[in-house]
N, C-alpha and C. Protein backbone atom coordinates (compact mmCIF):
# COMPACT_ATOMS: atom_id res chain seq x y z
N MET A 1 34.21 -4.77 -2.05
CA MET A 1 33.08 -4.92 -3.32
C MET A 1 32.79 -3.45 -3.46
N LYS A 2 32.53 -3.06 -4.83
CA LYS A 2 32.25 -1.60 -4.94
C LYS A 2 30.62 -1.29 -5.04
N GLY A 3 30.16 -0.48 -4.64
CA GLY A 3 28.74 0.11 -5.05
C GLY A 3 28.75 1.44 -5.31
N TYR A 4 27.36 1.94 -5.46
CA TYR A 4 26.98 3.07 -5.68
C TYR A 4 25.83 3.74 -4.84
N ILE A 5 25.64 4.97 -4.43
CA ILE A 5 24.63 5.30 -4.11
C ILE A 5 23.89 6.24 -5.17
N TYR A 6 22.78 6.21 -5.54
CA TYR A 6 22.66 6.89 -6.51
C TYR A 6 20.97 7.97 -6.32
N ALA A 7 20.88 8.82 -7.10
CA ALA A 7 19.66 9.53 -6.82
C ALA A 7 18.87 9.40 -7.91
N LEU A 8 17.60 8.81 -8.37
CA LEU A 8 16.60 9.30 -9.58
C LEU A 8 15.76 10.48 -9.62
N TYR A 9 16.39 10.93 -10.73
CA TYR A 9 15.59 12.28 -10.78
C TYR A 9 13.91 12.39 -11.51
N ASP A 10 12.92 13.06 -11.06
CA ASP A 10 11.94 13.08 -12.07
C ASP A 10 12.47 13.57 -13.42
N SER A 11 12.11 12.80 -14.21
CA SER A 11 12.27 13.19 -15.75
C SER A 11 12.04 14.81 -16.09
N SER A 12 11.19 15.12 -15.41
CA SER A 12 10.67 16.81 -16.21
C SER A 12 11.52 18.07 -15.59
N LYS A 13 11.97 17.45 -13.94
CA LYS A 13 12.57 18.18 -13.68
C LYS A 13 13.82 17.82 -12.76
N THR A 14 15.16 18.08 -13.31
CA THR A 14 16.66 17.73 -13.09
C THR A 14 16.90 17.83 -11.68
N ASP A 15 16.06 18.74 -10.81
CA ASP A 15 16.75 19.25 -9.53
C ASP A 15 15.74 18.65 -8.81
N ASP A 16 14.56 17.85 -9.11
CA ASP A 16 13.76 17.36 -8.11
C ASP A 16 14.22 15.95 -8.17
N ILE A 17 14.70 15.29 -6.65
CA ILE A 17 15.25 14.01 -6.62
C ILE A 17 13.99 13.36 -5.96
N ARG A 18 13.67 12.20 -6.88
CA ARG A 18 12.57 11.18 -6.34
C ARG A 18 12.69 10.20 -5.54
N TYR A 19 14.04 9.32 -5.82
CA TYR A 19 13.93 8.15 -5.04
C TYR A 19 16.06 8.25 -4.86
N ILE A 20 16.04 7.64 -3.76
CA ILE A 20 17.58 7.25 -3.41
C ILE A 20 17.70 5.91 -3.32
N GLY A 21 19.01 5.43 -4.01
CA GLY A 21 18.99 3.85 -3.82
C GLY A 21 20.45 3.26 -3.99
N ARG A 22 20.86 2.17 -4.28
CA ARG A 22 21.96 1.51 -3.98
C ARG A 22 22.19 0.47 -4.96
N THR A 23 23.57 0.39 -5.85
CA THR A 23 23.50 -0.49 -6.64
C THR A 23 25.14 -0.85 -6.77
N ILE A 24 25.44 -2.25 -7.43
CA ILE A 24 26.62 -2.43 -7.76
C ILE A 24 27.10 -2.44 -9.21
N ILE A 25 26.01 -1.80 -10.13
CA ILE A 25 26.00 -1.60 -11.77
C ILE A 25 26.36 0.23 -11.72
N ASP A 26 27.11 0.35 -12.33
CA ASP A 26 27.87 1.78 -12.61
C ASP A 26 26.55 2.42 -13.68
N ASN A 27 25.67 2.88 -13.24
CA ASN A 27 24.65 3.78 -14.17
C ASN A 27 24.97 5.15 -14.72
N LYS A 28 26.08 5.67 -14.86
CA LYS A 28 26.50 6.75 -15.35
C LYS A 28 26.02 7.49 -16.63
N ASN A 29 25.78 6.38 -17.29
CA ASN A 29 25.23 6.80 -18.48
C ASN A 29 23.82 6.99 -18.66
N ASN A 30 22.92 6.71 -17.78
CA ASN A 30 21.48 7.06 -17.51
C ASN A 30 21.58 8.60 -17.13
N VAL A 31 20.62 9.48 -18.10
CA VAL A 31 20.40 10.70 -17.83
C VAL A 31 19.48 10.99 -16.50
N MET A 32 18.56 10.27 -15.84
CA MET A 32 17.94 10.33 -14.99
C MET A 32 18.54 10.00 -13.49
N ILE A 33 19.76 9.31 -13.71
CA ILE A 33 20.34 8.96 -12.40
C ILE A 33 21.83 9.74 -12.23
N LYS A 34 21.90 9.88 -10.98
CA LYS A 34 23.00 10.80 -10.59
C LYS A 34 23.68 9.81 -9.47
N ILE A 35 24.94 9.55 -9.89
CA ILE A 35 25.66 8.90 -8.79
C ILE A 35 25.87 9.93 -7.59
N ILE A 36 25.64 9.79 -6.49
CA ILE A 36 26.00 10.54 -5.41
C ILE A 36 27.37 10.43 -4.56
N GLU A 37 27.50 8.78 -4.66
CA GLU A 37 28.68 8.46 -3.77
C GLU A 37 29.01 7.02 -4.22
N LYS A 38 30.41 6.94 -4.64
CA LYS A 38 31.15 5.40 -4.52
C LYS A 38 31.32 5.15 -3.58
N VAL A 39 30.90 3.77 -3.39
CA VAL A 39 31.19 3.29 -1.94
C VAL A 39 32.05 2.06 -2.17
N ILE A 40 33.22 1.77 -1.34
CA ILE A 40 33.82 0.40 -1.31
C ILE A 40 33.74 -0.01 0.19
N PHE A 41 33.26 -1.48 0.03
CA PHE A 41 32.49 -1.82 1.36
C PHE A 41 32.71 -3.39 1.54
N ASP A 42 33.03 -4.11 2.62
CA ASP A 42 32.94 -5.42 2.85
C ASP A 42 31.80 -5.98 3.23
N ASP A 43 31.01 -5.10 4.13
CA ASP A 43 29.82 -5.49 4.69
C ASP A 43 29.00 -4.82 3.98
N ILE A 44 27.68 -5.43 3.99
CA ILE A 44 26.30 -4.78 3.03
C ILE A 44 25.97 -3.96 4.04
N LYS A 45 26.05 -3.80 5.22
CA LYS A 45 25.19 -2.87 6.06
C LYS A 45 25.95 -1.60 6.04
N TYR A 46 27.24 -1.45 5.52
CA TYR A 46 27.77 -0.27 5.39
C TYR A 46 27.28 0.48 4.28
N ILE A 47 27.14 0.12 3.27
CA ILE A 47 26.18 0.66 2.20
C ILE A 47 24.98 1.06 2.38
N ASP A 48 24.15 0.09 3.45
CA ASP A 48 22.76 0.31 3.49
C ASP A 48 22.88 1.81 4.54
N LYS A 49 23.70 1.84 5.41
CA LYS A 49 23.89 2.96 5.99
C LYS A 49 23.98 4.01 5.64
N ARG A 50 24.77 3.81 4.30
CA ARG A 50 25.36 5.34 3.38
C ARG A 50 23.82 5.63 3.09
N GLU A 51 23.13 4.51 2.47
CA GLU A 51 21.93 5.12 1.81
C GLU A 51 20.69 5.57 2.51
N ASP A 52 20.78 4.92 3.89
CA ASP A 52 19.71 5.47 4.73
C ASP A 52 20.27 6.83 5.05
N PHE A 53 21.60 6.92 5.12
CA PHE A 53 22.02 8.75 5.68
C PHE A 53 21.58 9.59 4.55
N TYR A 54 21.80 9.27 3.19
CA TYR A 54 21.13 10.11 2.16
C TYR A 54 19.61 10.12 1.90
N ILE A 55 18.91 9.27 2.17
CA ILE A 55 17.71 9.28 2.18
C ILE A 55 17.03 10.30 3.20
N GLN A 56 17.53 10.07 4.37
CA GLN A 56 17.33 11.03 5.62
C GLN A 56 17.34 12.42 5.34
N PHE A 57 18.86 12.67 4.87
CA PHE A 57 19.40 13.94 4.44
C PHE A 57 18.52 14.80 3.40
N TYR A 58 18.17 13.60 2.12
CA TYR A 58 17.39 14.70 1.18
C TYR A 58 15.89 14.82 1.50
N LYS A 59 15.08 13.90 2.28
CA LYS A 59 14.01 14.30 2.94
C LYS A 59 14.23 15.40 4.02
N LYS A 60 15.03 15.69 4.65
CA LYS A 60 15.35 16.70 5.48
C LYS A 60 15.20 18.22 4.75
N ILE A 61 16.07 18.11 3.57
CA ILE A 61 16.33 19.22 2.93
C ILE A 61 14.72 19.54 1.90
N GLY A 62 13.84 18.68 2.24
CA GLY A 62 12.58 19.16 1.18
C GLY A 62 12.28 18.15 0.14
N HIS A 63 13.14 17.30 -0.29
CA HIS A 63 12.39 16.42 -1.51
C HIS A 63 11.50 15.56 -0.96
N ASN A 64 10.59 15.49 -1.79
CA ASN A 64 9.64 14.54 -1.55
C ASN A 64 9.79 12.98 -2.29
N LEU A 65 10.77 12.37 -1.76
CA LEU A 65 11.28 10.99 -2.11
C LEU A 65 10.18 9.69 -2.23
N THR A 66 10.11 8.97 -2.78
CA THR A 66 9.23 7.84 -2.74
C THR A 66 9.85 6.69 -2.14
N ASN A 67 11.07 6.99 -1.64
CA ASN A 67 11.58 5.65 -0.58
C ASN A 67 10.37 5.38 0.37
N TRP A 68 9.77 3.71 0.41
CA TRP A 68 8.64 3.75 1.21
C TRP A 68 9.73 3.31 2.88
N ARG A 69 10.98 2.72 2.65
CA ARG A 69 11.72 2.53 4.02
C ARG A 69 12.91 3.05 3.73
N GLY A 70 13.63 2.95 4.87
CA GLY A 70 15.04 3.53 4.85
C GLY A 70 15.91 2.64 4.28
N GLY A 71 17.02 3.03 4.20
CA GLY A 71 18.15 2.36 3.28
C GLY A 71 18.33 0.89 3.87
N GLY A 72 18.71 -0.21 3.02
CA GLY A 72 19.16 -1.66 3.01
C GLY A 72 17.89 -2.38 2.98
N SER A 73 16.66 -1.84 2.67
CA SER A 73 15.35 -2.68 2.57
C SER A 73 15.10 -2.93 1.24
N GLY A 74 15.73 -2.69 0.31
CA GLY A 74 15.38 -2.71 -1.04
C GLY A 74 15.70 -4.01 -1.81
N TRP A 75 17.11 -4.83 -1.30
CA TRP A 75 17.22 -5.68 -1.73
C TRP A 75 16.71 -7.25 -0.72
N CYS A 76 16.28 -6.82 0.39
CA CYS A 76 15.82 -8.05 0.91
C CYS A 76 14.39 -7.68 1.39
N GLY A 77 13.81 -6.46 1.25
CA GLY A 77 12.57 -6.22 1.79
C GLY A 77 11.19 -6.85 0.96
N SER A 78 10.45 -7.16 1.70
CA SER A 78 9.38 -8.04 0.93
C SER A 78 7.98 -7.18 0.91
N LYS A 79 7.22 -7.45 -0.02
CA LYS A 79 5.79 -6.74 -0.04
C LYS A 79 4.88 -6.75 1.25
N LYS A 80 5.34 -8.03 2.23
CA LYS A 80 4.35 -8.00 3.20
C LYS A 80 4.94 -7.01 4.20
N GLU A 81 6.17 -6.34 4.34
CA GLU A 81 6.72 -5.04 5.36
C GLU A 81 6.75 -3.94 4.65
N ARG A 82 6.16 -4.00 3.71
CA ARG A 82 5.41 -2.58 2.97
C ARG A 82 4.53 -2.03 3.99
N ILE A 83 4.53 -0.50 4.05
CA ILE A 83 3.35 -0.13 4.81
C ILE A 83 2.20 0.53 3.66
N PRO A 84 1.14 0.20 3.49
CA PRO A 84 0.21 0.89 2.73
C PRO A 84 0.22 2.41 3.09
N TRP A 85 0.00 3.26 1.46
CA TRP A 85 0.16 4.55 1.81
C TRP A 85 -1.05 5.07 2.30
N ASN A 86 -2.34 4.16 2.45
CA ASN A 86 -3.56 4.85 3.12
C ASN A 86 -3.42 4.27 4.79
N LYS A 87 -2.44 3.52 5.15
CA LYS A 87 -2.71 3.05 6.41
C LYS A 87 -2.86 4.13 7.65
N GLY A 88 -3.83 3.89 8.28
CA GLY A 88 -4.44 5.05 9.32
C GLY A 88 -4.88 5.95 8.84
N LYS A 89 -5.27 6.43 7.46
CA LYS A 89 -5.81 7.55 6.84
C LYS A 89 -7.37 6.98 7.03
N THR A 90 -8.18 8.22 7.32
CA THR A 90 -9.68 8.36 6.95
C THR A 90 -10.25 9.46 6.34
N GLY A 91 -11.17 9.14 5.80
CA GLY A 91 -11.85 10.52 5.31
C GLY A 91 -10.68 11.40 4.06
N HIS A 92 -9.85 10.43 3.55
CA HIS A 92 -8.97 11.26 2.66
C HIS A 92 -9.71 12.02 1.06
N LEU A 93 -11.18 11.24 1.10
CA LEU A 93 -11.68 11.70 0.24
C LEU A 93 -12.96 12.62 0.65
N SER A 94 -12.70 13.81 -0.02
CA SER A 94 -13.84 14.90 0.58
C SER A 94 -15.18 14.58 0.44
N GLU A 95 -15.91 15.12 1.33
CA GLU A 95 -17.64 14.50 1.00
C GLU A 95 -18.52 14.86 -0.21
N GLU A 96 -17.82 16.05 -0.92
CA GLU A 96 -17.95 16.50 -2.13
C GLU A 96 -17.71 15.60 -3.21
N ILE A 97 -16.41 14.92 -2.96
CA ILE A 97 -16.11 13.95 -3.97
C ILE A 97 -16.92 12.71 -4.02
N LEU A 98 -17.14 12.43 -2.53
CA LEU A 98 -17.97 10.97 -2.40
C LEU A 98 -19.46 11.17 -2.77
N GLU A 99 -19.79 12.50 -2.66
CA GLU A 99 -20.96 12.43 -3.24
C GLU A 99 -21.23 12.42 -4.91
N ASN A 100 -20.39 13.37 -5.59
CA ASN A 100 -19.97 13.25 -6.96
C ASN A 100 -20.10 11.91 -7.31
N MET A 101 -19.22 11.03 -6.77
CA MET A 101 -18.84 9.66 -7.22
C MET A 101 -20.19 8.97 -6.81
N SER A 102 -21.10 8.93 -5.71
CA SER A 102 -22.48 8.30 -5.53
C SER A 102 -23.32 8.83 -6.89
N ARG A 103 -23.46 10.07 -7.18
CA ARG A 103 -24.65 10.43 -8.11
C ARG A 103 -24.04 10.27 -9.07
N ALA A 104 -22.86 9.61 -9.95
CA ALA A 104 -22.41 9.21 -11.08
C ALA A 104 -22.70 7.80 -11.38
N GLN A 105 -23.04 7.28 -10.28
CA GLN A 105 -23.59 5.78 -10.40
C GLN A 105 -25.09 5.65 -10.14
N ILE A 106 -25.85 6.90 -10.04
CA ILE A 106 -27.34 6.51 -9.91
C ILE A 106 -27.79 6.19 -11.49
N GLY A 107 -28.62 5.36 -11.53
CA GLY A 107 -29.51 5.16 -12.50
C GLY A 107 -28.78 3.92 -13.59
N LYS A 108 -27.19 3.88 -13.08
CA LYS A 108 -26.68 2.62 -13.87
C LYS A 108 -27.24 1.06 -13.49
N LYS A 109 -27.39 0.47 -14.75
CA LYS A 109 -27.74 -0.96 -14.39
C LYS A 109 -26.74 -1.68 -14.94
N GLN A 110 -26.62 -2.92 -14.22
CA GLN A 110 -25.19 -3.83 -14.44
C GLN A 110 -26.00 -4.65 -15.54
N SER A 111 -25.21 -5.24 -16.20
CA SER A 111 -25.84 -6.16 -17.33
C SER A 111 -25.87 -7.26 -16.60
N ALA A 112 -26.68 -8.14 -17.59
CA ALA A 112 -27.08 -9.67 -17.01
C ALA A 112 -25.77 -10.44 -16.63
N GLU A 113 -24.70 -10.21 -17.70
CA GLU A 113 -23.68 -10.71 -17.66
C GLU A 113 -22.89 -10.21 -16.51
N THR A 114 -22.63 -9.32 -16.27
CA THR A 114 -21.88 -8.80 -15.14
C THR A 114 -22.63 -9.39 -13.73
N ILE A 115 -23.75 -9.23 -13.65
CA ILE A 115 -24.73 -9.87 -12.48
C ILE A 115 -24.19 -11.40 -12.47
N GLU A 116 -24.10 -12.14 -13.36
CA GLU A 116 -23.96 -13.60 -13.52
C GLU A 116 -22.19 -13.72 -13.11
N LYS A 117 -21.57 -13.08 -13.52
CA LYS A 117 -20.17 -13.25 -13.22
C LYS A 117 -20.00 -13.05 -11.55
N ARG A 118 -20.82 -12.02 -10.87
CA ARG A 118 -20.60 -11.85 -9.57
C ARG A 118 -21.34 -12.88 -8.65
N ILE A 119 -22.52 -13.36 -9.45
CA ILE A 119 -22.92 -14.15 -8.58
C ILE A 119 -22.55 -15.98 -8.64
N ALA A 120 -22.23 -16.11 -10.03
CA ALA A 120 -21.55 -17.54 -9.97
C ALA A 120 -20.80 -18.16 -8.77
N PRO A 121 -19.74 -17.62 -8.17
CA PRO A 121 -19.07 -18.10 -7.51
C PRO A 121 -19.65 -18.10 -6.22
N LEU A 122 -20.69 -17.29 -6.11
CA LEU A 122 -21.52 -17.86 -4.56
C LEU A 122 -22.57 -19.07 -4.61
N ARG A 123 -22.99 -19.60 -5.63
CA ARG A 123 -24.12 -20.62 -6.15
C ARG A 123 -23.40 -21.64 -5.54
N GLY A 124 -24.31 -22.52 -4.56
CA GLY A 124 -24.16 -23.86 -4.21
C GLY A 124 -23.49 -23.78 -2.75
N LYS A 125 -22.75 -22.35 -2.26
CA LYS A 125 -22.39 -22.44 -1.29
C LYS A 125 -23.39 -21.72 0.03
N LYS A 126 -23.16 -22.29 1.22
CA LYS A 126 -24.09 -21.97 2.23
C LYS A 126 -23.51 -20.40 2.63
N ARG A 127 -24.42 -19.86 3.23
CA ARG A 127 -23.90 -18.72 3.55
C ARG A 127 -22.99 -18.85 4.91
N ASP A 128 -22.23 -17.93 4.87
CA ASP A 128 -21.31 -17.89 6.13
C ASP A 128 -22.13 -17.12 7.32
N ASN A 129 -22.39 -17.76 8.19
CA ASN A 129 -22.67 -17.40 9.65
C ASN A 129 -21.91 -17.49 10.50
N HIS A 130 -21.20 -16.42 11.06
CA HIS A 130 -20.11 -16.52 12.15
C HIS A 130 -20.76 -17.17 13.45
N MET A 131 -21.88 -17.30 13.88
CA MET A 131 -22.55 -17.74 14.87
C MET A 131 -22.72 -19.59 14.70
N THR A 132 -22.52 -20.14 13.39
CA THR A 132 -22.89 -21.38 13.30
C THR A 132 -21.68 -22.09 14.28
N GLY A 133 -22.37 -23.15 14.93
CA GLY A 133 -21.35 -24.08 15.53
C GLY A 133 -21.16 -23.68 16.97
N ILE A 134 -21.49 -22.74 17.52
CA ILE A 134 -21.23 -22.12 18.67
C ILE A 134 -22.45 -22.33 19.34
N PRO A 135 -22.34 -23.20 20.33
CA PRO A 135 -23.74 -23.48 21.46
C PRO A 135 -24.29 -22.32 22.04
N LYS A 136 -25.40 -22.11 21.75
CA LYS A 136 -26.29 -20.69 22.79
C LYS A 136 -26.66 -21.21 23.87
N THR A 137 -26.61 -20.28 24.79
CA THR A 137 -27.47 -20.77 26.09
C THR A 137 -28.88 -20.43 26.00
N GLU A 138 -29.50 -20.90 26.98
CA GLU A 138 -31.23 -20.88 27.08
C GLU A 138 -31.43 -19.37 27.13
N GLU A 139 -30.56 -18.39 27.82
CA GLU A 139 -31.01 -17.14 27.78
C GLU A 139 -30.70 -16.63 26.31
N HIS A 140 -30.02 -17.05 25.77
CA HIS A 140 -29.46 -16.30 24.22
C HIS A 140 -30.59 -16.48 23.45
N LYS A 141 -30.88 -17.93 23.59
CA LYS A 141 -31.95 -18.38 22.75
C LYS A 141 -33.74 -17.97 23.07
N ARG A 142 -33.58 -17.72 24.30
CA ARG A 142 -34.78 -16.87 24.90
C ARG A 142 -35.03 -15.39 24.49
N LYS A 143 -33.90 -14.71 24.52
CA LYS A 143 -33.52 -13.59 23.95
C LYS A 143 -34.04 -13.29 22.41
N THR A 144 -33.42 -14.28 21.88
CA THR A 144 -33.27 -14.31 20.07
C THR A 144 -34.81 -14.69 19.76
N SER A 145 -35.08 -15.19 20.42
CA SER A 145 -36.97 -15.62 20.19
C SER A 145 -37.79 -14.57 20.45
N GLU A 146 -37.43 -13.89 21.54
CA GLU A 146 -38.43 -12.57 21.68
C GLU A 146 -38.18 -11.53 20.71
N SER A 147 -37.06 -11.31 20.52
CA SER A 147 -36.54 -10.25 19.50
C SER A 147 -37.13 -10.58 18.02
N LEU A 148 -37.25 -11.75 17.47
CA LEU A 148 -37.93 -12.21 16.34
C LEU A 148 -39.47 -11.94 16.39
N LYS A 149 -39.89 -12.22 17.78
CA LYS A 149 -41.09 -12.36 17.67
C LYS A 149 -41.88 -10.75 17.66
N GLY A 150 -41.12 -9.91 18.07
CA GLY A 150 -41.39 -8.21 18.09
C GLY A 150 -42.04 -8.23 19.35
N ASN A 151 -42.72 -6.75 19.59
CA ASN A 151 -43.91 -6.68 20.74
C ASN A 151 -45.06 -6.45 20.13
N GLN A 152 -45.59 -7.64 20.23
CA GLN A 152 -46.95 -7.97 19.84
C GLN A 152 -48.13 -7.73 20.94
């Protein structure tokens, strides 16, 4: 079987490679695609390894590739296997940006139609209490009762 490893360029900069991929279709007429290697293979794993090699190579020399996984996962990778771009990141918005977003919402009122759309699916449903159906011990009942009475 014959396949190609290709580089997809940023449309505004022809020296900025953004994606490395593989295909069995010759895309030589596409101006944003450059064929890096023509591969003859019997086993799909071989072209996957070549794609992975180029992904690692171009990342190592400083290209900011958009490939989310190594080579070989494009044909069979599923959305479930994708790692979200913000997984493990916290605080990626500065306090200043959060404050500006908060201030932008002050004084804005939701229309009656918007409120109705938000509330309609909840009508007639019981509130989900995660403690419902779990037997309570006598000690738990006593403590709950005391906390609800307060310090009188």
